[in-house]
Amino acid sequence: MYLSHPVRRMRDDPGEETAALVVELADDAEPSELRDTVADAGGELVDEIGFDCWLVRVPEAGVADLCSLPGVVRIETDATLEYAVDETVEPDGGGESAVDDAE
């Protein structure tokens, strides 16, 4: 199972915060077990985001329970979902390039 560094920190030294995490389950894993584990930890299953991944929110104290859940393939923070295309960048209209500006 893959755990991102922040998830390992939360598992080993939980704080008082609530963590938003992406949990990937194996193809044969039961999402109901994830749902029950999250609820037992005082969290919520927020959304199924595709590719056998779920967005959950749990107190950091519940992260260890998620890590011990059978069928978990990967757990990362939801920061992996925050990458998006910057729509404020204008398409290159044939003007000067960044390399030209650096000279």
N, C-alpha and C. Protein backbone atom coordinates (compact mmCIF):
# COMPACT_ATOMS: atom_id res chain seq x y z
N MET A 1 0.84 -1.17 0.00
CA MET A 1 0.00 0.00 0.00
C MET A 1 0.89 1.24 0.00
N TYR A 2 0.51 2.21 -0.82
CA TYR A 2 1.24 3.47 -0.88
C TYR A 2 0.58 4.48 0.06
N LEU A 3 1.37 5.12 0.90
CA LEU A 3 0.91 6.22 1.75
C LEU A 3 1.81 7.42 1.48
N SER A 4 1.19 8.55 1.16
CA SER A 4 2.00 9.75 0.98
C SER A 4 2.62 10.14 2.32
N HIS A 5 3.68 10.94 2.25
CA HIS A 5 4.38 11.35 3.47
C HIS A 5 3.43 12.00 4.49
N PRO A 6 2.57 12.95 4.08
CA PRO A 6 1.67 13.56 5.07
C PRO A 6 0.73 12.52 5.71
N VAL A 7 0.30 11.53 4.94
CA VAL A 7 -0.58 10.51 5.50
C VAL A 7 0.17 9.66 6.52
N ARG A 8 1.42 9.33 6.23
CA ARG A 8 2.22 8.57 7.20
C ARG A 8 2.40 9.37 8.49
N ARG A 9 2.61 10.68 8.36
CA ARG A 9 2.75 11.53 9.54
C ARG A 9 1.46 11.53 10.36
N MET A 10 0.32 11.66 9.68
CA MET A 10 -0.97 11.65 10.39
C MET A 10 -1.21 10.31 11.08
N ARG A 11 -0.85 9.23 10.41
CA ARG A 11 -1.02 7.90 10.99
C ARG A 11 -0.15 7.75 12.24
N ASP A 12 1.10 8.19 12.16
CA ASP A 12 2.05 7.97 13.24
C ASP A 12 1.95 9.00 14.37
N ASP A 13 1.50 10.21 14.04
CA ASP A 13 1.43 11.28 15.04
C ASP A 13 0.21 12.16 14.75
N PRO A 14 -0.99 11.61 14.99
CA PRO A 14 -2.20 12.36 14.62
C PRO A 14 -2.36 13.64 15.43
N GLY A 15 -2.86 14.65 14.74
CA GLY A 15 -3.17 15.92 15.39
C GLY A 15 -4.66 16.02 15.64
N GLU A 16 -5.10 17.22 15.90
CA GLU A 16 -6.52 17.46 16.19
C GLU A 16 -7.32 17.83 14.93
N GLU A 17 -6.65 17.92 13.80
CA GLU A 17 -7.27 18.38 12.56
C GLU A 17 -8.08 17.27 11.89
N THR A 18 -8.91 17.68 10.94
CA THR A 18 -9.61 16.74 10.07
C THR A 18 -8.85 16.71 8.76
N ALA A 19 -8.64 15.52 8.23
CA ALA A 19 -7.88 15.34 7.00
C ALA A 19 -8.82 15.00 5.85
N ALA A 20 -8.59 15.62 4.70
CA ALA A 20 -9.28 15.27 3.47
C ALA A 20 -8.33 14.39 2.67
N LEU A 21 -8.76 13.16 2.41
CA LEU A 21 -7.88 12.16 1.81
C LEU A 21 -8.52 11.51 0.60
N VAL A 22 -7.66 11.05 -0.31
CA VAL A 22 -8.09 10.23 -1.44
C VAL A 22 -7.65 8.81 -1.11
N VAL A 23 -8.63 7.91 -1.07
CA VAL A 23 -8.36 6.51 -0.76
C VAL A 23 -8.68 5.68 -2.00
N GLU A 24 -7.68 4.94 -2.48
CA GLU A 24 -7.88 4.05 -3.61
C GLU A 24 -8.06 2.64 -3.09
N LEU A 25 -9.10 1.97 -3.58
CA LEU A 25 -9.39 0.60 -3.17
C LEU A 25 -9.02 -0.36 -4.29
N ALA A 26 -8.67 -1.58 -3.91
CA ALA A 26 -8.43 -2.64 -4.89
C ALA A 26 -9.74 -2.95 -5.60
N ASP A 27 -9.63 -3.53 -6.79
CA ASP A 27 -10.82 -3.84 -7.58
C ASP A 27 -11.83 -4.70 -6.83
N ASP A 28 -11.34 -5.61 -6.00
CA ASP A 28 -12.24 -6.53 -5.30
C ASP A 28 -12.61 -6.07 -3.89
N ALA A 29 -12.21 -4.87 -3.49
CA ALA A 29 -12.52 -4.35 -2.15
C ALA A 29 -13.96 -3.86 -2.08
N GLU A 30 -14.52 -3.94 -0.90
CA GLU A 30 -15.89 -3.50 -0.67
C GLU A 30 -15.92 -2.04 -0.21
N PRO A 31 -16.52 -1.15 -0.99
CA PRO A 31 -16.62 0.24 -0.54
C PRO A 31 -17.40 0.39 0.76
N SER A 32 -18.28 -0.57 1.07
CA SER A 32 -19.03 -0.48 2.31
C SER A 32 -18.11 -0.57 3.53
N GLU A 33 -17.02 -1.32 3.42
CA GLU A 33 -16.05 -1.39 4.52
C GLU A 33 -15.37 -0.04 4.72
N LEU A 34 -15.06 0.63 3.63
CA LEU A 34 -14.48 1.97 3.72
C LEU A 34 -15.48 2.91 4.37
N ARG A 35 -16.71 2.86 3.90
CA ARG A 35 -17.76 3.73 4.44
C ARG A 35 -17.92 3.52 5.95
N ASP A 36 -17.94 2.25 6.39
CA ASP A 36 -18.10 1.95 7.81
C ASP A 36 -16.90 2.43 8.62
N THR A 37 -15.69 2.22 8.11
CA THR A 37 -14.48 2.63 8.81
C THR A 37 -14.44 4.15 8.96
N VAL A 38 -14.79 4.86 7.90
CA VAL A 38 -14.81 6.32 7.94
C VAL A 38 -15.85 6.81 8.95
N ALA A 39 -17.04 6.22 8.93
CA ALA A 39 -18.10 6.61 9.87
C ALA A 39 -17.69 6.32 11.31
N ASP A 40 -17.09 5.15 11.55
CA ASP A 40 -16.64 4.79 12.89
C ASP A 40 -15.58 5.76 13.42
N ALA A 41 -14.81 6.35 12.51
CA ALA A 41 -13.76 7.30 12.90
C ALA A 41 -14.33 8.71 13.11
N GLY A 42 -15.62 8.87 12.84
CA GLY A 42 -16.24 10.19 12.98
C GLY A 42 -16.07 11.07 11.76
N GLY A 43 -15.83 10.43 10.62
CA GLY A 43 -15.62 11.17 9.38
C GLY A 43 -16.78 11.01 8.42
N GLU A 44 -16.53 11.40 7.18
CA GLU A 44 -17.57 11.27 6.15
C GLU A 44 -16.95 10.86 4.83
N LEU A 45 -17.67 10.04 4.10
CA LEU A 45 -17.29 9.68 2.74
C LEU A 45 -17.91 10.76 1.86
N VAL A 46 -17.08 11.56 1.23
CA VAL A 46 -17.55 12.74 0.52
C VAL A 46 -18.01 12.41 -0.89
N ASP A 47 -17.20 11.62 -1.62
CA ASP A 47 -17.54 11.40 -3.03
C ASP A 47 -16.73 10.24 -3.59
N GLU A 48 -17.31 9.55 -4.55
CA GLU A 48 -16.56 8.60 -5.36
C GLU A 48 -16.01 9.40 -6.52
N ILE A 49 -14.69 9.37 -6.70
CA ILE A 49 -14.09 10.24 -7.71
C ILE A 49 -13.57 9.47 -8.92
N GLY A 50 -13.91 8.20 -9.01
CA GLY A 50 -13.52 7.40 -10.16
C GLY A 50 -12.24 6.64 -9.95
N PHE A 51 -12.01 5.68 -10.81
CA PHE A 51 -10.80 4.84 -10.76
C PHE A 51 -10.64 4.17 -9.40
N ASP A 52 -11.76 3.73 -8.82
CA ASP A 52 -11.77 3.06 -7.51
C ASP A 52 -11.24 3.95 -6.40
N CYS A 53 -11.38 5.27 -6.54
CA CYS A 53 -10.90 6.21 -5.54
C CYS A 53 -12.08 6.93 -4.90
N TRP A 54 -11.90 7.24 -3.62
CA TRP A 54 -12.92 7.90 -2.82
C TRP A 54 -12.31 9.08 -2.10
N LEU A 55 -13.05 10.17 -2.04
CA LEU A 55 -12.65 11.33 -1.26
C LEU A 55 -13.32 11.20 0.10
N VAL A 56 -12.52 11.22 1.16
CA VAL A 56 -13.06 11.09 2.51
C VAL A 56 -12.51 12.20 3.39
N ARG A 57 -13.23 12.51 4.45
CA ARG A 57 -12.75 13.43 5.48
C ARG A 57 -12.84 12.70 6.81
N VAL A 58 -11.72 12.62 7.50
CA VAL A 58 -11.67 11.94 8.79
C VAL A 58 -10.78 12.73 9.75
N PRO A 59 -11.07 12.63 11.04
CA PRO A 59 -10.11 13.18 11.99
C PRO A 59 -8.78 12.45 11.83
N GLU A 60 -7.68 13.16 12.03
CA GLU A 60 -6.38 12.52 11.87
C GLU A 60 -6.24 11.26 12.73
N ALA A 61 -6.94 11.21 13.86
CA ALA A 61 -6.88 10.03 14.72
C ALA A 61 -7.46 8.79 14.03
N GLY A 62 -8.26 8.97 12.98
CA GLY A 62 -8.84 7.84 12.26
C GLY A 62 -8.03 7.37 11.08
N VAL A 63 -6.93 8.04 10.78
CA VAL A 63 -6.11 7.68 9.62
C VAL A 63 -5.51 6.29 9.79
N ALA A 64 -5.08 5.93 10.98
CA ALA A 64 -4.50 4.60 11.21
C ALA A 64 -5.52 3.50 10.88
N ASP A 65 -6.79 3.74 11.21
CA ASP A 65 -7.82 2.74 10.89
C ASP A 65 -7.98 2.58 9.38
N LEU A 66 -7.90 3.69 8.65
CA LEU A 66 -7.97 3.59 7.18
C LEU A 66 -6.78 2.80 6.64
N CYS A 67 -5.61 3.02 7.22
CA CYS A 67 -4.40 2.35 6.75
C CYS A 67 -4.45 0.85 7.00
N SER A 68 -5.19 0.43 7.99
CA SER A 68 -5.27 -1.01 8.30
C SER A 68 -6.44 -1.69 7.61
N LEU A 69 -7.20 -0.95 6.84
CA LEU A 69 -8.36 -1.50 6.15
C LEU A 69 -7.93 -2.40 5.00
N PRO A 70 -8.42 -3.66 4.95
CA PRO A 70 -8.07 -4.53 3.83
C PRO A 70 -8.58 -3.95 2.51
N GLY A 71 -7.80 -4.10 1.48
CA GLY A 71 -8.22 -3.64 0.15
C GLY A 71 -7.81 -2.23 -0.19
N VAL A 72 -7.17 -1.53 0.74
CA VAL A 72 -6.69 -0.18 0.43
C VAL A 72 -5.38 -0.30 -0.35
N VAL A 73 -5.32 0.37 -1.48
CA VAL A 73 -4.15 0.36 -2.35
C VAL A 73 -3.27 1.58 -2.11
N ARG A 74 -3.93 2.73 -1.88
CA ARG A 74 -3.20 4.00 -1.80
C ARG A 74 -4.02 5.00 -0.99
N ILE A 75 -3.33 5.82 -0.19
CA ILE A 75 -3.96 6.93 0.51
C ILE A 75 -3.06 8.15 0.36
N GLU A 76 -3.66 9.24 -0.13
CA GLU A 76 -2.95 10.50 -0.29
C GLU A 76 -3.84 11.63 0.21
N THR A 77 -3.26 12.80 0.44
CA THR A 77 -4.10 13.94 0.78
C THR A 77 -4.86 14.38 -0.47
N ASP A 78 -5.90 15.14 -0.27
CA ASP A 78 -6.69 15.60 -1.41
C ASP A 78 -5.97 16.66 -2.22
N ALA A 79 -4.77 17.06 -1.81
CA ALA A 79 -3.99 18.04 -2.58
C ALA A 79 -3.72 17.52 -3.99
N THR A 80 -3.74 16.21 -4.18
CA THR A 80 -3.53 15.64 -5.51
C THR A 80 -4.66 16.02 -6.45
N LEU A 81 -5.82 16.41 -5.91
CA LEU A 81 -6.96 16.80 -6.73
C LEU A 81 -6.95 18.27 -7.08
N GLU A 82 -6.10 19.05 -6.44
CA GLU A 82 -6.13 20.49 -6.59
C GLU A 82 -5.33 21.01 -7.78
N TYR A 83 -4.67 20.14 -8.49
CA TYR A 83 -3.94 20.58 -9.67
C TYR A 83 -4.91 20.78 -10.82
N ALA A 84 -4.89 21.94 -11.41
CA ALA A 84 -5.79 22.23 -12.52
C ALA A 84 -5.05 23.11 -13.52
N VAL A 85 -5.62 23.21 -14.69
CA VAL A 85 -5.04 24.07 -15.71
C VAL A 85 -5.27 25.52 -15.30
N ASP A 86 -4.24 26.32 -15.42
CA ASP A 86 -4.35 27.73 -15.12
C ASP A 86 -5.00 28.41 -16.31
N GLU A 87 -6.28 28.74 -16.16
CA GLU A 87 -7.03 29.32 -17.26
C GLU A 87 -6.74 30.80 -17.45
N THR A 88 -5.91 31.38 -16.61
CA THR A 88 -5.58 32.79 -16.76
C THR A 88 -4.43 33.01 -17.73
N VAL A 89 -3.73 31.95 -18.11
CA VAL A 89 -2.62 32.07 -19.05
C VAL A 89 -3.19 32.15 -20.45
N GLU A 90 -2.79 33.16 -21.16
CA GLU A 90 -3.28 33.34 -22.52
C GLU A 90 -2.51 32.45 -23.47
N PRO A 91 -3.19 31.90 -24.48
CA PRO A 91 -2.48 31.08 -25.47
C PRO A 91 -1.42 31.90 -26.18
N ASP A 92 -0.37 31.23 -26.61
CA ASP A 92 0.72 31.90 -27.30
C ASP A 92 0.22 32.45 -28.63
N GLY A 93 0.24 33.74 -28.74
CA GLY A 93 -0.25 34.38 -29.96
C GLY A 93 0.88 34.76 -30.89
N GLY A 94 2.02 34.10 -30.75
CA GLY A 94 3.14 34.40 -31.62
C GLY A 94 3.99 35.55 -31.12
N GLY A 95 3.72 36.01 -29.91
CA GLY A 95 4.48 37.11 -29.34
C GLY A 95 5.80 36.63 -28.76
N GLU A 96 6.35 37.43 -27.86
CA GLU A 96 7.62 37.09 -27.25
C GLU A 96 7.47 35.90 -26.33
N SER A 97 8.52 35.11 -26.27
CA SER A 97 8.51 33.94 -25.39
C SER A 97 9.16 34.31 -24.06
N ALA A 98 9.00 33.44 -23.08
CA ALA A 98 9.63 33.65 -21.78
C ALA A 98 11.15 33.66 -21.92
N VAL A 99 11.69 32.90 -22.87
CA VAL A 99 13.13 32.88 -23.09
C VAL A 99 13.58 34.23 -23.58
N ASP A 100 12.82 34.83 -24.49
CA ASP A 100 13.16 36.15 -24.99
C ASP A 100 13.17 37.19 -23.89
N ASP A 101 12.22 37.08 -22.96
CA ASP A 101 12.11 38.03 -21.86
C ASP A 101 13.29 37.92 -20.90
N ALA A 102 13.88 36.74 -20.80
CA ALA A 102 14.97 36.52 -19.84
C ALA A 102 16.29 37.08 -20.34
N GLU A 103 16.39 37.35 -21.60
CA GLU A 103 17.66 37.82 -22.17
C GLU A 103 17.93 39.27 -21.88
